[in-house]
Amino acid sequence: MIIQSVREILTTQGRLSTPLSELREDSDLYHAGLTSLATVGLMLALEEEFDIEFPDSMLSRKTFGSIESIVDAIEALQD
């Protein structure tokens, strides 16, 4: 399941100041402590896990702003 994999990757790559267990799918990851540097590591781990490549047009806070938006982006890239 994509959501579970994204949560696991966030646990190792997100460096969040808020425990992931306290976040909903639509919670703002940047308010939870995600930094631009951590976003790069997150993006690379997601690309490897799902065998995708994020195009430049998706490299934004909007794409990585929540678990829900990350899952939506992955699903769009897998189609």
PDB file of N, CA and C in Angstrom:
ATOM      1  N   MET A   1       0.850  -1.191   0.000  1.00  0.00           N
ATOM      2  CA  MET A   1       0.000   0.000   0.000  1.00  0.00           C
ATOM      3  C   MET A   1       0.888   1.244   0.000  1.00  0.00           C
ATOM      4  N   ILE A   2       0.568   2.176  -0.858  1.00  0.00           N
ATOM      5  CA  ILE A   2       1.415   3.352  -1.052  1.00  0.00           C
ATOM      6  C   ILE A   2       1.511   4.189   0.220  1.00  0.00           C
ATOM      7  N   ILE A   3       0.394   4.414   0.894  1.00  0.00           N
ATOM      8  CA  ILE A   3       0.407   5.275   2.091  1.00  0.00           C
ATOM      9  C   ILE A   3       1.358   4.714   3.145  1.00  0.00           C
ATOM     10  N   GLN A   4       1.311   3.415   3.373  1.00  0.00           N
ATOM     11  CA  GLN A   4       2.180   2.816   4.383  1.00  0.00           C
ATOM     12  C   GLN A   4       3.649   2.966   4.000  1.00  0.00           C
ATOM     13  N   SER A   5       3.968   2.767   2.724  1.00  0.00           N
ATOM     14  CA  SER A   5       5.352   2.920   2.264  1.00  0.00           C
ATOM     15  C   SER A   5       5.819   4.371   2.412  1.00  0.00           C
ATOM     16  N   VAL A   6       4.954   5.309   2.078  1.00  0.00           N
ATOM     17  CA  VAL A   6       5.304   6.729   2.216  1.00  0.00           C
ATOM     18  C   VAL A   6       5.551   7.059   3.689  1.00  0.00           C
ATOM     19  N   ARG A   7       4.711   6.554   4.576  1.00  0.00           N
ATOM     20  CA  ARG A   7       4.897   6.788   6.017  1.00  0.00           C
ATOM     21  C   ARG A   7       6.233   6.206   6.496  1.00  0.00           C
ATOM     22  N   GLU A   8       6.584   5.015   6.027  1.00  0.00           N
ATOM     23  CA  GLU A   8       7.850   4.404   6.422  1.00  0.00           C
ATOM     24  C   GLU A   8       9.042   5.224   5.929  1.00  0.00           C
ATOM     25  N   ILE A   9       8.959   5.697   4.700  1.00  0.00           N
ATOM     26  CA  ILE A   9      10.047   6.519   4.151  1.00  0.00           C
ATOM     27  C   ILE A   9      10.128   7.846   4.895  1.00  0.00           C
ATOM     28  N   LEU A  10       8.997   8.432   5.226  1.00  0.00           N
ATOM     29  CA  LEU A  10       8.999   9.677   6.007  1.00  0.00           C
ATOM     30  C   LEU A  10       9.655   9.474   7.374  1.00  0.00           C
ATOM     31  N   THR A  11       9.452   8.306   7.945  1.00  0.00           N
ATOM     32  CA  THR A  11      10.050   8.008   9.241  1.00  0.00           C
ATOM     33  C   THR A  11      11.570   8.050   9.162  1.00  0.00           C
ATOM     34  N   THR A  12      12.126   7.530   8.071  1.00  0.00           N
ATOM     35  CA  THR A  12      13.587   7.472   7.948  1.00  0.00           C
ATOM     36  C   THR A  12      14.193   8.709   7.297  1.00  0.00           C
ATOM     37  N   GLN A  13      13.446   9.365   6.426  1.00  0.00           N
ATOM     38  CA  GLN A  13      14.007  10.484   5.654  1.00  0.00           C
ATOM     39  C   GLN A  13      13.465  11.861   6.024  1.00  0.00           C
ATOM     40  N   GLY A  14      12.305  11.911   6.670  1.00  0.00           N
ATOM     41  CA  GLY A  14      11.628  13.190   6.886  1.00  0.00           C
ATOM     42  C   GLY A  14      12.229  14.094   7.946  1.00  0.00           C
ATOM     43  N   ARG A  15      12.903  13.504   8.924  1.00  0.00           N
ATOM     44  CA  ARG A  15      13.481  14.289  10.026  1.00  0.00           C
ATOM     45  C   ARG A  15      12.432  15.226  10.648  1.00  0.00           C
ATOM     46  N   LEU A  16      11.242  14.713  10.832  1.00  0.00           N
ATOM     47  CA  LEU A  16      10.141  15.537  11.349  1.00  0.00           C
ATOM     48  C   LEU A  16      10.279  15.753  12.846  1.00  0.00           C
ATOM     49  N   SER A  17       9.872  16.934  13.307  1.00  0.00           N
ATOM     50  CA  SER A  17       9.883  17.233  14.737  1.00  0.00           C
ATOM     51  C   SER A  17       8.605  16.738  15.422  1.00  0.00           C
ATOM     52  N   THR A  18       7.591  16.460  14.633  1.00  0.00           N
ATOM     53  CA  THR A  18       6.338  15.899  15.134  1.00  0.00           C
ATOM     54  C   THR A  18       6.330  14.406  14.828  1.00  0.00           C
ATOM     55  N   PRO A  19       5.998  13.566  15.800  1.00  0.00           N
ATOM     56  CA  PRO A  19       5.939  12.123  15.525  1.00  0.00           C
ATOM     57  C   PRO A  19       4.957  11.821  14.393  1.00  0.00           C
ATOM     58  N   LEU A  20       5.373  10.968  13.486  1.00  0.00           N
ATOM     59  CA  LEU A  20       4.537  10.633  12.343  1.00  0.00           C
ATOM     60  C   LEU A  20       3.207  10.034  12.768  1.00  0.00           C
ATOM     61  N   SER A  21       3.207   9.356  13.886  1.00  0.00           N
ATOM     62  CA  SER A  21       1.959   8.739  14.384  1.00  0.00           C
ATOM     63  C   SER A  21       0.897   9.787  14.729  1.00  0.00           C
ATOM     64  N   GLU A  22       1.313  11.030  14.938  1.00  0.00           N
ATOM     65  CA  GLU A  22       0.374  12.104  15.264  1.00  0.00           C
ATOM     66  C   GLU A  22      -0.145  12.832  14.028  1.00  0.00           C
ATOM     67  N   LEU A  23       0.358  12.474  12.857  1.00  0.00           N
ATOM     68  CA  LEU A  23      -0.012  13.188  11.638  1.00  0.00           C
ATOM     69  C   LEU A  23      -1.071  12.432  10.851  1.00  0.00           C
ATOM     70  N   ARG A  24      -2.035  13.191  10.354  1.00  0.00           N
ATOM     71  CA  ARG A  24      -3.042  12.631   9.450  1.00  0.00           C
ATOM     72  C   ARG A  24      -2.505  12.707   8.027  1.00  0.00           C
ATOM     73  N   GLU A  25      -3.212  12.102   7.091  1.00  0.00           N
ATOM     74  CA  GLU A  25      -2.769  12.121   5.696  1.00  0.00           C
ATOM     75  C   GLU A  25      -2.736  13.541   5.117  1.00  0.00           C
ATOM     76  N   ASP A  26      -3.573  14.434   5.648  1.00  0.00           N
ATOM     77  CA  ASP A  26      -3.614  15.794   5.114  1.00  0.00           C
ATOM     78  C   ASP A  26      -2.863  16.811   5.982  1.00  0.00           C
ATOM     79  N   SER A  27      -2.144  16.340   6.991  1.00  0.00           N
ATOM     80  CA  SER A  27      -1.368  17.248   7.846  1.00  0.00           C
ATOM     81  C   SER A  27      -0.240  17.884   7.050  1.00  0.00           C
ATOM     82  N   ASP A  28       0.077  19.138   7.360  1.00  0.00           N
ATOM     83  CA  ASP A  28       1.150  19.870   6.683  1.00  0.00           C
ATOM     84  C   ASP A  28       2.503  19.366   7.185  1.00  0.00           C
ATOM     85  N   LEU A  29       3.241  18.716   6.308  1.00  0.00           N
ATOM     86  CA  LEU A  29       4.532  18.146   6.696  1.00  0.00           C
ATOM     87  C   LEU A  29       5.568  19.228   6.996  1.00  0.00           C
ATOM     88  N   TYR A  30       5.456  20.372   6.366  1.00  0.00           N
ATOM     89  CA  TYR A  30       6.412  21.453   6.634  1.00  0.00           C
ATOM     90  C   TYR A  30       6.186  22.038   8.023  1.00  0.00           C
ATOM     91  N   HIS A  31       4.927  22.100   8.460  1.00  0.00           N
ATOM     92  CA  HIS A  31       4.651  22.535   9.829  1.00  0.00           C
ATOM     93  C   HIS A  31       5.101  21.477  10.833  1.00  0.00           C
ATOM     94  N   ALA A  32       5.187  20.232  10.374  1.00  0.00           N
ATOM     95  CA  ALA A  32       5.626  19.126  11.236  1.00  0.00           C
ATOM     96  C   ALA A  32       7.149  19.013  11.288  1.00  0.00           C
ATOM     97  N   GLY A  33       7.849  19.899  10.561  1.00  0.00           N
ATOM     98  CA  GLY A  33       9.305  19.937  10.642  1.00  0.00           C
ATOM     99  C   GLY A  33      10.058  19.532   9.393  1.00  0.00           C
ATOM    100  N   LEU A  34       9.364  19.193   8.303  1.00  0.00           N
ATOM    101  CA  LEU A  34      10.046  18.834   7.063  1.00  0.00           C
ATOM    102  C   LEU A  34      10.782  20.053   6.523  1.00  0.00           C
ATOM    103  N   THR A  35      12.057  19.883   6.195  1.00  0.00           N
ATOM    104  CA  THR A  35      12.863  20.967   5.636  1.00  0.00           C
ATOM    105  C   THR A  35      13.104  20.718   4.153  1.00  0.00           C
ATOM    106  N   SER A  36      13.614  21.725   3.468  1.00  0.00           N
ATOM    107  CA  SER A  36      13.902  21.549   2.051  1.00  0.00           C
ATOM    108  C   SER A  36      14.989  20.502   1.845  1.00  0.00           C
ATOM    109  N   LEU A  37      15.969  20.449   2.734  1.00  0.00           N
ATOM    110  CA  LEU A  37      17.015  19.437   2.625  1.00  0.00           C
ATOM    111  C   LEU A  37      16.444  18.035   2.827  1.00  0.00           C
ATOM    112  N   ALA A  38      15.592  17.856   3.817  1.00  0.00           N
ATOM    113  CA  ALA A  38      14.966  16.562   4.061  1.00  0.00           C
ATOM    114  C   ALA A  38      14.050  16.176   2.902  1.00  0.00           C
ATOM    115  N   THR A  39      13.456  17.164   2.249  1.00  0.00           N
ATOM    116  CA  THR A  39      12.590  16.894   1.101  1.00  0.00           C
ATOM    117  C   THR A  39      13.370  16.236  -0.023  1.00  0.00           C
ATOM    118  N   VAL A  40      14.610  16.662  -0.220  1.00  0.00           N
ATOM    119  CA  VAL A  40      15.448  16.066  -1.268  1.00  0.00           C
ATOM    120  C   VAL A  40      15.692  14.584  -0.970  1.00  0.00           C
ATOM    121  N   GLY A  41      16.058  14.266   0.265  1.00  0.00           N
ATOM    122  CA  GLY A  41      16.257  12.873   0.650  1.00  0.00           C
ATOM    123  C   GLY A  41      14.982  12.065   0.525  1.00  0.00           C
ATOM    124  N   LEU A  42      13.872  12.669   0.904  1.00  0.00           N
ATOM    125  CA  LEU A  42      12.567  12.031   0.791  1.00  0.00           C
ATOM    126  C   LEU A  42      12.251  11.731  -0.671  1.00  0.00           C
ATOM    127  N   MET A  43      12.454  12.711  -1.530  1.00  0.00           N
ATOM    128  CA  MET A  43      12.177  12.552  -2.949  1.00  0.00           C
ATOM    129  C   MET A  43      13.011  11.410  -3.542  1.00  0.00           C
ATOM    130  N   LEU A  44      14.295  11.381  -3.225  1.00  0.00           N
ATOM    131  CA  LEU A  44      15.170  10.332  -3.762  1.00  0.00           C
ATOM    132  C   LEU A  44      14.744   8.949  -3.272  1.00  0.00           C
ATOM    133  N   ALA A  45      14.370   8.847  -2.012  1.00  0.00           N
ATOM    134  CA  ALA A  45      13.921   7.563  -1.461  1.00  0.00           C
ATOM    135  C   ALA A  45      12.602   7.120  -2.100  1.00  0.00           C
ATOM    136  N   LEU A  46      11.703   8.061  -2.336  1.00  0.00           N
ATOM    137  CA  LEU A  46      10.438   7.736  -2.991  1.00  0.00           C
ATOM    138  C   LEU A  46      10.669   7.281  -4.427  1.00  0.00           C
ATOM    139  N   GLU A  47      11.564   7.967  -5.124  1.00  0.00           N
ATOM    140  CA  GLU A  47      11.868   7.580  -6.505  1.00  0.00           C
ATOM    141  C   GLU A  47      12.418   6.153  -6.560  1.00  0.00           C
ATOM    142  N   GLU A  48      13.285   5.842  -5.632  1.00  0.00           N
ATOM    143  CA  GLU A  48      13.863   4.497  -5.597  1.00  0.00           C
ATOM    144  C   GLU A  48      12.814   3.449  -5.227  1.00  0.00           C
ATOM    145  N   GLU A  49      12.027   3.732  -4.212  1.00  0.00           N
ATOM    146  CA  GLU A  49      11.022   2.774  -3.736  1.00  0.00           C
ATOM    147  C   GLU A  49       9.968   2.464  -4.795  1.00  0.00           C
ATOM    148  N   PHE A  50       9.510   3.487  -5.503  1.00  0.00           N
ATOM    149  CA  PHE A  50       8.399   3.312  -6.439  1.00  0.00           C
ATOM    150  C   PHE A  50       8.830   3.279  -7.905  1.00  0.00           C
ATOM    151  N   ASP A  51      10.140   3.347  -8.157  1.00  0.00           N
ATOM    152  CA  ASP A  51      10.688   3.313  -9.512  1.00  0.00           C
ATOM    153  C   ASP A  51      10.039   4.380 -10.397  1.00  0.00           C
ATOM    154  N   ILE A  52      10.081   5.601  -9.891  1.00  0.00           N
ATOM    155  CA  ILE A  52       9.523   6.755 -10.592  1.00  0.00           C
ATOM    156  C   ILE A  52      10.568   7.864 -10.612  1.00  0.00           C
ATOM    157  N   GLU A  53      10.285   8.913 -11.361  1.00  0.00           N
ATOM    158  CA  GLU A  53      11.125  10.105 -11.339  1.00  0.00           C
ATOM    159  C   GLU A  53      10.212  11.327 -11.316  1.00  0.00           C
ATOM    160  N   PHE A  54      10.402  12.158 -10.299  1.00  0.00           N
ATOM    161  CA  PHE A  54       9.600  13.372 -10.201  1.00  0.00           C
ATOM    162  C   PHE A  54      10.100  14.381 -11.232  1.00  0.00           C
ATOM    163  N   PRO A  55       9.226  14.846 -12.134  1.00  0.00           N
ATOM    164  CA  PRO A  55       9.633  15.877 -13.085  1.00  0.00           C
ATOM    165  C   PRO A  55       9.785  17.222 -12.365  1.00  0.00           C
ATOM    166  N   ASP A  56      10.516  18.116 -12.976  1.00  0.00           N
ATOM    167  CA  ASP A  56      10.738  19.443 -12.386  1.00  0.00           C
ATOM    168  C   ASP A  56       9.433  20.122 -12.002  1.00  0.00           C
ATOM    169  N   SER A  57       8.392  19.908 -12.796  1.00  0.00           N
ATOM    170  CA  SER A  57       7.105  20.570 -12.530  1.00  0.00           C
ATOM    171  C   SER A  57       6.468  20.112 -11.215  1.00  0.00           C
ATOM    172  N   MET A  58       6.919  18.968 -10.671  1.00  0.00           N
ATOM    173  CA  MET A  58       6.353  18.456  -9.413  1.00  0.00           C
ATOM    174  C   MET A  58       7.249  18.751  -8.210  1.00  0.00           C
ATOM    175  N   LEU A  59       8.381  19.371  -8.433  1.00  0.00           N
ATOM    176  CA  LEU A  59       9.304  19.643  -7.327  1.00  0.00           C
ATOM    177  C   LEU A  59       8.891  20.933  -6.626  1.00  0.00           C
ATOM    178  N   SER A  60       7.882  20.802  -5.762  1.00  0.00           N
ATOM    179  CA  SER A  60       7.344  21.971  -5.067  1.00  0.00           C
ATOM    180  C   SER A  60       6.846  21.579  -3.684  1.00  0.00           C
ATOM    181  N   ARG A  61       6.627  22.588  -2.870  1.00  0.00           N
ATOM    182  CA  ARG A  61       6.063  22.353  -1.535  1.00  0.00           C
ATOM    183  C   ARG A  61       4.684  21.712  -1.630  1.00  0.00           C
ATOM    184  N   LYS A  62       3.964  22.036  -2.681  1.00  0.00           N
ATOM    185  CA  LYS A  62       2.620  21.478  -2.854  1.00  0.00           C
ATOM    186  C   LYS A  62       2.685  19.953  -2.985  1.00  0.00           C
ATOM    187  N   THR A  63       3.636  19.452  -3.754  1.00  0.00           N
ATOM    188  CA  THR A  63       3.763  18.002  -3.963  1.00  0.00           C
ATOM    189  C   THR A  63       4.126  17.278  -2.680  1.00  0.00           C
ATOM    190  N   PHE A  64       5.039  17.860  -1.894  1.00  0.00           N
ATOM    191  CA  PHE A  64       5.561  17.198  -0.703  1.00  0.00           C
ATOM    192  C   PHE A  64       4.970  17.745   0.593  1.00  0.00           C
ATOM    193  N   GLY A  65       3.887  18.500   0.484  1.00  0.00           N
ATOM    194  CA  GLY A  65       3.299  19.161   1.639  1.00  0.00           C
ATOM    195  C   GLY A  65       2.523  18.284   2.597  1.00  0.00           C
ATOM    196  N   SER A  66       2.073  17.122   2.120  1.00  0.00           N
ATOM    197  CA  SER A  66       1.318  16.210   2.984  1.00  0.00           C
ATOM    198  C   SER A  66       1.496  14.788   2.465  1.00  0.00           C
ATOM    199  N   ILE A  67       1.168  13.837   3.287  1.00  0.00           N
ATOM    200  CA  ILE A  67       1.218  12.441   2.858  1.00  0.00           C
ATOM    201  C   ILE A  67       0.256  12.248   1.687  1.00  0.00           C
ATOM    202  N   GLU A  68      -0.908  12.847   1.798  1.00  0.00           N
ATOM    203  CA  GLU A  68      -1.929  12.745   0.760  1.00  0.00           C
ATOM    204  C   GLU A  68      -1.417  13.270  -0.586  1.00  0.00           C
ATOM    205  N   SER A  69      -0.747  14.417  -0.584  1.00  0.00           N
ATOM    206  CA  SER A  69      -0.250  14.990  -1.837  1.00  0.00           C
ATOM    207  C   SER A  69       0.897  14.164  -2.415  1.00  0.00           C
ATOM    208  N   ILE A  70       1.710  13.565  -1.549  1.00  0.00           N
ATOM    209  CA  ILE A  70       2.787  12.685  -2.022  1.00  0.00           C
ATOM    210  C   ILE A  70       2.188  11.451  -2.693  1.00  0.00           C
ATOM    211  N   VAL A  71       1.202  10.845  -2.044  1.00  0.00           N
ATOM    212  CA  VAL A  71       0.548   9.653  -2.613  1.00  0.00           C
ATOM    213  C   VAL A  71      -0.096  10.009  -3.951  1.00  0.00           C
ATOM    214  N   ASP A  72      -0.772  11.150  -4.040  1.00  0.00           N
ATOM    215  CA  ASP A  72      -1.398  11.578  -5.294  1.00  0.00           C
ATOM    216  C   ASP A  72      -0.352  11.718  -6.393  1.00  0.00           C
ATOM    217  N   ALA A  73       0.796  12.301  -6.065  1.00  0.00           N
ATOM    218  CA  ALA A  73       1.861  12.487  -7.053  1.00  0.00           C
ATOM    219  C   ALA A  73       2.411  11.137  -7.521  1.00  0.00           C
ATOM    220  N   ILE A  74       2.629  10.222  -6.585  1.00  0.00           N
ATOM    221  CA  ILE A  74       3.137   8.892  -6.943  1.00  0.00           C
ATOM    222  C   ILE A  74       2.139   8.175  -7.851  1.00  0.00           C
ATOM    223  N   GLU A  75       0.882   8.221  -7.489  1.00  0.00           N
ATOM    224  CA  GLU A  75      -0.144   7.561  -8.310  1.00  0.00           C
ATOM    225  C   GLU A  75      -0.203   8.160  -9.713  1.00  0.00           C
ATOM    226  N   ALA A  76      -0.068   9.477  -9.819  1.00  0.00           N
ATOM    227  CA  ALA A  76      -0.080  10.130 -11.137  1.00  0.00           C
ATOM    228  C   ALA A  76       1.121   9.699 -11.961  1.00  0.00           C
ATOM    229  N   LEU A  77       2.270   9.541 -11.319  1.00  0.00           N
ATOM    230  CA  LEU A  77       3.475   9.146 -12.043  1.00  0.00           C
ATOM    231  C   LEU A  77       3.471   7.666 -12.429  1.00  0.00           C
ATOM    232  N   GLN A  78       2.743   6.859 -11.696  1.00  0.00           N
ATOM    233  CA  GLN A  78       2.671   5.435 -12.010  1.00  0.00           C
ATOM    234  C   GLN A  78       1.685   5.132 -13.133  1.00  0.00           C
ATOM    235  N   ASP A  79       0.779   6.061 -13.406  1.00  0.00           N
ATOM    236  CA  ASP A  79      -0.216   5.834 -14.474  1.00  0.00           C
ATOM    237  C   ASP A  79       0.385   5.982 -15.846  1.00  0.00           C
TER     238      ASP A  79
END
